[in-house]
Amino acid sequence: RYVRRPHPRRGLGFGPAVVWLVETLWVRPV
């Protein structure tokens, strides 16, 4: 509810995409 990042929509910029990628690949499984 509070940590997991939703998939960034188009046009939100590079920052949200990087945050989503880091959370998805490393933070979430750990």
PDB file of all heavy atoms in Angstrom:
ATOM      1  N   ARG A   1       0.820  -1.216   0.000  1.00  0.00           N
ATOM      2  CA  ARG A   1       0.000   0.000   0.000  1.00  0.00           C
ATOM      3  C   ARG A   1       0.853   1.266   0.000  1.00  0.00           C
ATOM      4  O   ARG A   1       0.543   2.241  -0.687  1.00  0.00           O
ATOM      5  CB  ARG A   1      -0.926  -0.009   1.231  1.00  0.00           C
ATOM      6  CG  ARG A   1      -1.782   1.243   1.378  1.00  0.00           C
ATOM      7  CD  ARG A   1      -2.815   1.351   0.268  1.00  0.00           C
ATOM      8  NE  ARG A   1      -3.655   2.518   0.444  1.00  0.00           N
ATOM      9  CZ  ARG A   1      -3.356   3.740   0.011  1.00  0.00           C
ATOM     10  NH1 ARG A   1      -2.206   3.949  -0.620  1.00  0.00           N
ATOM     11  NH2 ARG A   1      -4.186   4.742   0.186  1.00  0.00           N
ATOM     12  N   TYR A   2       1.959   1.275   0.753  1.00  0.00           N
ATOM     13  CA  TYR A   2       2.686   2.524   0.972  1.00  0.00           C
ATOM     14  C   TYR A   2       4.110   2.547   0.402  1.00  0.00           C
ATOM     15  O   TYR A   2       4.687   3.616   0.277  1.00  0.00           O
ATOM     16  CB  TYR A   2       2.756   2.830   2.472  1.00  0.00           C
ATOM     17  CG  TYR A   2       1.417   3.152   3.069  1.00  0.00           C
ATOM     18  CD1 TYR A   2       0.728   2.220   3.832  1.00  0.00           C
ATOM     19  CD2 TYR A   2       0.819   4.387   2.850  1.00  0.00           C
ATOM     20  CE1 TYR A   2      -0.516   2.514   4.383  1.00  0.00           C
ATOM     21  CE2 TYR A   2      -0.423   4.692   3.389  1.00  0.00           C
ATOM     22  CZ  TYR A   2      -1.082   3.747   4.153  1.00  0.00           C
ATOM     23  OH  TYR A   2      -2.311   4.039   4.679  1.00  0.00           O
ATOM     24  N   VAL A   3       4.679   1.387   0.095  1.00  0.00           N
ATOM     25  CA  VAL A   3       6.065   1.353  -0.388  1.00  0.00           C
ATOM     26  C   VAL A   3       6.139   0.951  -1.850  1.00  0.00           C
ATOM     27  O   VAL A   3       6.898   1.546  -2.622  1.00  0.00           O
ATOM     28  CB  VAL A   3       6.918   0.393   0.474  1.00  0.00           C
ATOM     29  CG1 VAL A   3       8.362   0.388  -0.021  1.00  0.00           C
ATOM     30  CG2 VAL A   3       6.852   0.796   1.947  1.00  0.00           C
ATOM     31  N   ARG A   4       5.376  -0.034  -2.218  1.00  0.00           N
ATOM     32  CA  ARG A   4       5.445  -0.541  -3.587  1.00  0.00           C
ATOM     33  C   ARG A   4       5.102   0.552  -4.584  1.00  0.00           C
ATOM     34  O   ARG A   4       4.106   1.264  -4.438  1.00  0.00           O
ATOM     35  CB  ARG A   4       4.478  -1.712  -3.746  1.00  0.00           C
ATOM     36  CG  ARG A   4       4.567  -2.383  -5.106  1.00  0.00           C
ATOM     37  CD  ARG A   4       3.709  -3.640  -5.113  1.00  0.00           C
ATOM     38  NE  ARG A   4       3.772  -4.321  -6.384  1.00  0.00           N
ATOM     39  CZ  ARG A   4       3.204  -5.485  -6.637  1.00  0.00           C
ATOM     40  NH1 ARG A   4       2.534  -6.102  -5.672  1.00  0.00           N
ATOM     41  NH2 ARG A   4       3.297  -6.048  -7.816  1.00  0.00           N
ATOM     42  N   ARG A   5       5.942   0.708  -5.624  1.00  0.00           N
ATOM     43  CA  ARG A   5       5.766   1.763  -6.619  1.00  0.00           C
ATOM     44  C   ARG A   5       4.917   1.269  -7.784  1.00  0.00           C
ATOM     45  O   ARG A   5       5.186   0.193  -8.334  1.00  0.00           O
ATOM     46  CB  ARG A   5       7.115   2.210  -7.173  1.00  0.00           C
ATOM     47  CG  ARG A   5       8.084   2.782  -6.149  1.00  0.00           C
ATOM     48  CD  ARG A   5       7.647   4.145  -5.671  1.00  0.00           C
ATOM     49  NE  ARG A   5       6.805   4.079  -4.484  1.00  0.00           N
ATOM     50  CZ  ARG A   5       6.146   5.105  -3.989  1.00  0.00           C
ATOM     51  NH1 ARG A   5       6.195   6.286  -4.579  1.00  0.00           N
ATOM     52  NH2 ARG A   5       5.421   4.974  -2.915  1.00  0.00           N
ATOM     53  N   PRO A   6       3.889   2.008  -8.151  1.00  0.00           N
ATOM     54  CA  PRO A   6       3.123   1.630  -9.348  1.00  0.00           C
ATOM     55  C   PRO A   6       3.964   1.839 -10.600  1.00  0.00           C
ATOM     56  O   PRO A   6       4.911   2.632 -10.605  1.00  0.00           O
ATOM     57  CB  PRO A   6       1.925   2.578  -9.312  1.00  0.00           C
ATOM     58  CG  PRO A   6       2.406   3.766  -8.554  1.00  0.00           C
ATOM     59  CD  PRO A   6       3.373   3.242  -7.527  1.00  0.00           C
ATOM     60  N   HIS A   7       3.628   1.122 -11.632  1.00  0.00           N
ATOM     61  CA  HIS A   7       4.369   1.266 -12.887  1.00  0.00           C
ATOM     62  C   HIS A   7       4.202   2.696 -13.400  1.00  0.00           C
ATOM     63  O   HIS A   7       3.079   3.202 -13.524  1.00  0.00           O
ATOM     64  CB  HIS A   7       3.841   0.272 -13.919  1.00  0.00           C
ATOM     65  CG  HIS A   7       4.712   0.180 -15.141  1.00  0.00           C
ATOM     66  ND1 HIS A   7       4.703   1.133 -16.123  1.00  0.00           N
ATOM     67  CD2 HIS A   7       5.636  -0.742 -15.511  1.00  0.00           C
ATOM     68  CE1 HIS A   7       5.567   0.805 -17.076  1.00  0.00           C
ATOM     69  NE2 HIS A   7       6.153  -0.339 -16.720  1.00  0.00           N
ATOM     70  N   PRO A   8       5.331   3.390 -13.672  1.00  0.00           N
ATOM     71  CA  PRO A   8       5.226   4.794 -14.108  1.00  0.00           C
ATOM     72  C   PRO A   8       4.571   4.912 -15.473  1.00  0.00           C
ATOM     73  O   PRO A   8       4.860   4.139 -16.392  1.00  0.00           O
ATOM     74  CB  PRO A   8       6.693   5.250 -14.155  1.00  0.00           C
ATOM     75  CG  PRO A   8       7.471   3.989 -14.346  1.00  0.00           C
ATOM     76  CD  PRO A   8       6.729   2.911 -13.624  1.00  0.00           C
ATOM     77  N   ARG A   9       3.681   5.867 -15.585  1.00  0.00           N
ATOM     78  CA  ARG A   9       3.052   6.109 -16.876  1.00  0.00           C
ATOM     79  C   ARG A   9       3.972   6.913 -17.780  1.00  0.00           C
ATOM     80  O   ARG A   9       4.937   7.521 -17.318  1.00  0.00           O
ATOM     81  CB  ARG A   9       1.736   6.873 -16.668  1.00  0.00           C
ATOM     82  CG  ARG A   9       0.708   6.106 -15.847  1.00  0.00           C
ATOM     83  CD  ARG A   9      -0.549   6.949 -15.654  1.00  0.00           C
ATOM     84  NE  ARG A   9      -1.549   6.214 -14.872  1.00  0.00           N
ATOM     85  CZ  ARG A   9      -2.712   6.721 -14.514  1.00  0.00           C
ATOM     86  NH1 ARG A   9      -3.023   7.976 -14.862  1.00  0.00           N
ATOM     87  NH2 ARG A   9      -3.557   6.002 -13.820  1.00  0.00           N
ATOM     88  N   ARG A  10       3.662   6.929 -19.026  1.00  0.00           N
ATOM     89  CA  ARG A  10       4.481   7.668 -19.975  1.00  0.00           C
ATOM     90  C   ARG A  10       4.416   9.160 -19.687  1.00  0.00           C
ATOM     91  O   ARG A  10       3.389   9.688 -19.312  1.00  0.00           O
ATOM     92  CB  ARG A  10       3.997   7.408 -21.411  1.00  0.00           C
ATOM     93  CG  ARG A  10       4.186   5.956 -21.854  1.00  0.00           C
ATOM     94  CD  ARG A  10       3.707   5.785 -23.285  1.00  0.00           C
ATOM     95  NE  ARG A  10       3.853   4.403 -23.733  1.00  0.00           N
ATOM     96  CZ  ARG A  10       3.494   3.975 -24.939  1.00  0.00           C
ATOM     97  NH1 ARG A  10       2.956   4.836 -25.806  1.00  0.00           N
ATOM     98  NH2 ARG A  10       3.666   2.713 -25.264  1.00  0.00           N
ATOM     99  N   GLY A  11       5.538   9.805 -19.835  1.00  0.00           N
ATOM    100  CA  GLY A  11       5.594  11.245 -19.669  1.00  0.00           C
ATOM    101  C   GLY A  11       5.893  11.703 -18.259  1.00  0.00           C
ATOM    102  O   GLY A  11       5.951  12.898 -18.001  1.00  0.00           O
ATOM    103  N   LEU A  12       6.108  10.756 -17.313  1.00  0.00           N
ATOM    104  CA  LEU A  12       6.403  11.154 -15.950  1.00  0.00           C
ATOM    105  C   LEU A  12       7.883  11.452 -15.732  1.00  0.00           C
ATOM    106  O   LEU A  12       8.268  11.886 -14.656  1.00  0.00           O
ATOM    107  CB  LEU A  12       5.943  10.069 -14.977  1.00  0.00           C
ATOM    108  CG  LEU A  12       4.428   9.918 -14.823  1.00  0.00           C
ATOM    109  CD1 LEU A  12       4.104   8.858 -13.782  1.00  0.00           C
ATOM    110  CD2 LEU A  12       3.782  11.245 -14.432  1.00  0.00           C
ATOM    111  N   GLY A  13       8.694  11.165 -16.691  1.00  0.00           N
ATOM    112  CA  GLY A  13      10.103  11.506 -16.565  1.00  0.00           C
ATOM    113  C   GLY A  13      10.968  10.324 -16.186  1.00  0.00           C
ATOM    114  O   GLY A  13      10.497   9.222 -15.881  1.00  0.00           O
ATOM    115  N   PHE A  14      12.258  10.598 -16.183  1.00  0.00           N
ATOM    116  CA  PHE A  14      13.255   9.560 -15.928  1.00  0.00           C
ATOM    117  C   PHE A  14      13.271   9.142 -14.453  1.00  0.00           C
ATOM    118  O   PHE A  14      13.453   7.972 -14.135  1.00  0.00           O
ATOM    119  CB  PHE A  14      14.640  10.086 -16.345  1.00  0.00           C
ATOM    120  CG  PHE A  14      15.753   9.119 -16.092  1.00  0.00           C
ATOM    121  CD1 PHE A  14      15.932   8.007 -16.902  1.00  0.00           C
ATOM    122  CD2 PHE A  14      16.623   9.323 -15.028  1.00  0.00           C
ATOM    123  CE1 PHE A  14      16.962   7.120 -16.649  1.00  0.00           C
ATOM    124  CE2 PHE A  14      17.653   8.442 -14.780  1.00  0.00           C
ATOM    125  CZ  PHE A  14      17.823   7.335 -15.592  1.00  0.00           C
ATOM    126  N   GLY A  15      13.067  10.099 -13.527  1.00  0.00           N
ATOM    127  CA  GLY A  15      13.150   9.817 -12.092  1.00  0.00           C
ATOM    128  C   GLY A  15      12.184   8.748 -11.622  1.00  0.00           C
ATOM    129  O   GLY A  15      12.608   7.754 -11.009  1.00  0.00           O
ATOM    130  N   PRO A  16      10.874   8.894 -11.865  1.00  0.00           N
ATOM    131  CA  PRO A  16       9.930   7.868 -11.417  1.00  0.00           C
ATOM    132  C   PRO A  16      10.224   6.489 -12.002  1.00  0.00           C
ATOM    133  O   PRO A  16      10.022   5.468 -11.329  1.00  0.00           O
ATOM    134  CB  PRO A  16       8.579   8.395 -11.903  1.00  0.00           C
ATOM    135  CG  PRO A  16       8.763   9.873 -11.987  1.00  0.00           C
ATOM    136  CD  PRO A  16      10.176  10.072 -12.423  1.00  0.00           C
ATOM    137  N   ALA A  17      10.710   6.453 -13.244  1.00  0.00           N
ATOM    138  CA  ALA A  17      11.031   5.163 -13.853  1.00  0.00           C
ATOM    139  C   ALA A  17      12.189   4.485 -13.130  1.00  0.00           C
ATOM    140  O   ALA A  17      12.168   3.270 -12.892  1.00  0.00           O
ATOM    141  CB  ALA A  17      11.364   5.365 -15.333  1.00  0.00           C
ATOM    142  N   VAL A  18      13.204   5.267 -12.736  1.00  0.00           N
ATOM    143  CA  VAL A  18      14.345   4.704 -12.013  1.00  0.00           C
ATOM    144  C   VAL A  18      13.914   4.203 -10.635  1.00  0.00           C
ATOM    145  O   VAL A  18      14.304   3.112 -10.200  1.00  0.00           O
ATOM    146  CB  VAL A  18      15.476   5.755 -11.889  1.00  0.00           C
ATOM    147  CG1 VAL A  18      16.569   5.255 -10.959  1.00  0.00           C
ATOM    148  CG2 VAL A  18      16.034   6.088 -13.265  1.00  0.00           C
ATOM    149  N   VAL A  19      13.084   5.014  -9.930  1.00  0.00           N
ATOM    150  CA  VAL A  19      12.604   4.605  -8.608  1.00  0.00           C
ATOM    151  C   VAL A  19      11.807   3.317  -8.709  1.00  0.00           C
ATOM    152  O   VAL A  19      11.970   2.393  -7.891  1.00  0.00           O
ATOM    153  CB  VAL A  19      11.747   5.727  -7.979  1.00  0.00           C
ATOM    154  CG1 VAL A  19      11.072   5.237  -6.706  1.00  0.00           C
ATOM    155  CG2 VAL A  19      12.609   6.944  -7.698  1.00  0.00           C
ATOM    156  N   TRP A  20      10.935   3.235  -9.697  1.00  0.00           N
ATOM    157  CA  TRP A  20      10.141   2.011  -9.887  1.00  0.00           C
ATOM    158  C   TRP A  20      11.041   0.822 -10.177  1.00  0.00           C
ATOM    159  O   TRP A  20      10.839  -0.280  -9.642  1.00  0.00           O
ATOM    160  CB  TRP A  20       9.158   2.219 -11.030  1.00  0.00           C
ATOM    161  CG  TRP A  20       8.448   0.944 -11.416  1.00  0.00           C
ATOM    162  CD1 TRP A  20       7.384   0.382 -10.792  1.00  0.00           C
ATOM    163  CD2 TRP A  20       8.791   0.068 -12.501  1.00  0.00           C
ATOM    164  NE1 TRP A  20       7.024  -0.784 -11.416  1.00  0.00           N
ATOM    165  CE2 TRP A  20       7.872  -1.003 -12.477  1.00  0.00           C
ATOM    166  CE3 TRP A  20       9.760   0.105 -13.496  1.00  0.00           C
ATOM    167  CZ2 TRP A  20       7.910  -2.028 -13.404  1.00  0.00           C
ATOM    168  CZ3 TRP A  20       9.807  -0.931 -14.428  1.00  0.00           C
ATOM    169  CH2 TRP A  20       8.884  -1.978 -14.367  1.00  0.00           C
ATOM    170  N   LEU A  21      12.060   1.016 -11.008  1.00  0.00           N
ATOM    171  CA  LEU A  21      12.956  -0.084 -11.379  1.00  0.00           C
ATOM    172  C   LEU A  21      13.731  -0.588 -10.168  1.00  0.00           C
ATOM    173  O   LEU A  21      13.839  -1.804  -9.937  1.00  0.00           O
ATOM    174  CB  LEU A  21      13.917   0.375 -12.471  1.00  0.00           C
ATOM    175  CG  LEU A  21      14.797  -0.712 -13.109  1.00  0.00           C
ATOM    176  CD1 LEU A  21      13.934  -1.729 -13.831  1.00  0.00           C
ATOM    177  CD2 LEU A  21      15.807  -0.086 -14.062  1.00  0.00           C
ATOM    178  N   VAL A  22      14.261   0.343  -9.362  1.00  0.00           N
ATOM    179  CA  VAL A  22      15.029  -0.049  -8.172  1.00  0.00           C
ATOM    180  C   VAL A  22      14.132  -0.778  -7.173  1.00  0.00           C
ATOM    181  O   VAL A  22      14.502  -1.822  -6.618  1.00  0.00           O
ATOM    182  CB  VAL A  22      15.666   1.200  -7.520  1.00  0.00           C
ATOM    183  CG1 VAL A  22      16.266   0.845  -6.157  1.00  0.00           C
ATOM    184  CG2 VAL A  22      16.738   1.790  -8.432  1.00  0.00           C
ATOM    185  N   GLU A  23      12.931  -0.241  -6.957  1.00  0.00           N
ATOM    186  CA  GLU A  23      12.024  -0.882  -6.011  1.00  0.00           C
ATOM    187  C   GLU A  23      11.608  -2.259  -6.503  1.00  0.00           C
ATOM    188  O   GLU A  23      11.506  -3.212  -5.719  1.00  0.00           O
ATOM    189  CB  GLU A  23      10.790   0.010  -5.814  1.00  0.00           C
ATOM    190  CG  GLU A  23       9.816  -0.471  -4.748  1.00  0.00           C
ATOM    191  CD  GLU A  23       8.829  -1.487  -5.259  1.00  0.00           C
ATOM    192  OE1 GLU A  23       8.435  -1.388  -6.440  1.00  0.00           O
ATOM    193  OE2 GLU A  23       8.447  -2.386  -4.477  1.00  0.00           O
ATOM    194  N   THR A  24      11.360  -2.385  -7.803  1.00  0.00           N
ATOM    195  CA  THR A  24      10.895  -3.650  -8.356  1.00  0.00           C
ATOM    196  C   THR A  24      11.982  -4.714  -8.355  1.00  0.00           C
ATOM    197  O   THR A  24      11.739  -5.872  -7.987  1.00  0.00           O
ATOM    198  CB  THR A  24      10.377  -3.435  -9.791  1.00  0.00           C
ATOM    199  OG1 THR A  24       9.324  -2.482  -9.776  1.00  0.00           O
ATOM    200  CG2 THR A  24       9.858  -4.745 -10.372  1.00  0.00           C
ATOM    201  N   LEU A  25      13.204  -4.333  -8.747  1.00  0.00           N
ATOM    202  CA  LEU A  25      14.260  -5.329  -8.938  1.00  0.00           C
ATOM    203  C   LEU A  25      14.976  -5.692  -7.639  1.00  0.00           C
ATOM    204  O   LEU A  25      15.372  -6.852  -7.472  1.00  0.00           O
ATOM    205  CB  LEU A  25      15.274  -4.818  -9.971  1.00  0.00           C
ATOM    206  CG  LEU A  25      14.758  -4.667 -11.407  1.00  0.00           C
ATOM    207  CD1 LEU A  25      15.862  -4.182 -12.320  1.00  0.00           C
ATOM    208  CD2 LEU A  25      14.193  -5.988 -11.923  1.00  0.00           C
ATOM    209  N   TRP A  26      15.168  -4.740  -6.745  1.00  0.00           N
ATOM    210  CA  TRP A  26      15.993  -5.011  -5.570  1.00  0.00           C
ATOM    211  C   TRP A  26      15.231  -4.911  -4.249  1.00  0.00           C
ATOM    212  O   TRP A  26      15.324  -5.805  -3.420  1.00  0.00           O
ATOM    213  CB  TRP A  26      17.186  -4.042  -5.529  1.00  0.00           C
ATOM    214  CG  TRP A  26      18.207  -4.347  -6.581  1.00  0.00           C
ATOM    215  CD1 TRP A  26      19.067  -5.401  -6.629  1.00  0.00           C
ATOM    216  CD2 TRP A  26      18.442  -3.592  -7.772  1.00  0.00           C
ATOM    217  NE1 TRP A  26      19.832  -5.343  -7.763  1.00  0.00           N
ATOM    218  CE2 TRP A  26      19.478  -4.253  -8.480  1.00  0.00           C
ATOM    219  CE3 TRP A  26      17.898  -2.420  -8.300  1.00  0.00           C
ATOM    220  CZ2 TRP A  26      19.969  -3.776  -9.683  1.00  0.00           C
ATOM    221  CZ3 TRP A  26      18.385  -1.944  -9.493  1.00  0.00           C
ATOM    222  CH2 TRP A  26      19.400  -2.620 -10.181  1.00  0.00           C
ATOM    223  N   VAL A  27      14.495  -3.824  -4.063  1.00  0.00           N
ATOM    224  CA  VAL A  27      13.870  -3.603  -2.757  1.00  0.00           C
ATOM    225  C   VAL A  27      12.758  -4.611  -2.496  1.00  0.00           C
ATOM    226  O   VAL A  27      12.682  -5.200  -1.413  1.00  0.00           O
ATOM    227  CB  VAL A  27      13.316  -2.165  -2.658  1.00  0.00           C
ATOM    228  CG1 VAL A  27      12.623  -1.957  -1.315  1.00  0.00           C
ATOM    229  CG2 VAL A  27      14.441  -1.160  -2.841  1.00  0.00           C
ATOM    230  N   ARG A  28      11.888  -4.828  -3.460  1.00  0.00           N
ATOM    231  CA  ARG A  28      10.722  -5.679  -3.235  1.00  0.00           C
ATOM    232  C   ARG A  28      11.083  -7.117  -2.903  1.00  0.00           C
ATOM    233  O   ARG A  28      10.581  -7.659  -1.901  1.00  0.00           O
ATOM    234  CB  ARG A  28       9.788  -5.630  -4.449  1.00  0.00           C
ATOM    235  CG  ARG A  28       8.437  -6.281  -4.183  1.00  0.00           C
ATOM    236  CD  ARG A  28       7.569  -6.283  -5.427  1.00  0.00           C
ATOM    237  NE  ARG A  28       7.454  -4.947  -6.008  1.00  0.00           N
ATOM    238  CZ  ARG A  28       6.850  -4.689  -7.164  1.00  0.00           C
ATOM    239  NH1 ARG A  28       6.310  -5.705  -7.857  1.00  0.00           N
ATOM    240  NH2 ARG A  28       6.771  -3.471  -7.634  1.00  0.00           N
ATOM    241  N   PRO A  29      11.929  -7.789  -3.680  1.00  0.00           N
ATOM    242  CA  PRO A  29      12.235  -9.181  -3.322  1.00  0.00           C
ATOM    243  C   PRO A  29      12.925  -9.312  -1.971  1.00  0.00           C
ATOM    244  O   PRO A  29      12.637 -10.244  -1.208  1.00  0.00           O
ATOM    245  CB  PRO A  29      13.136  -9.657  -4.467  1.00  0.00           C
ATOM    246  CG  PRO A  29      13.648  -8.426  -5.107  1.00  0.00           C
ATOM    247  CD  PRO A  29      12.584  -7.396  -4.941  1.00  0.00           C
ATOM    248  N   VAL A  30      13.833  -8.385  -1.664  1.00  0.00           N
ATOM    249  CA  VAL A  30      14.514  -8.448  -0.361  1.00  0.00           C
ATOM    250  C   VAL A  30      13.518  -8.210   0.765  1.00  0.00           C
ATOM    251  O   VAL A  30      13.539  -8.888   1.800  1.00  0.00           O
ATOM    252  CB  VAL A  30      15.659  -7.418  -0.304  1.00  0.00           C
ATOM    253  CG1 VAL A  30      16.242  -7.361   1.100  1.00  0.00           C
ATOM    254  CG2 VAL A  30      16.735  -7.772  -1.320  1.00  0.00           C
TER     255      VAL A  30
END
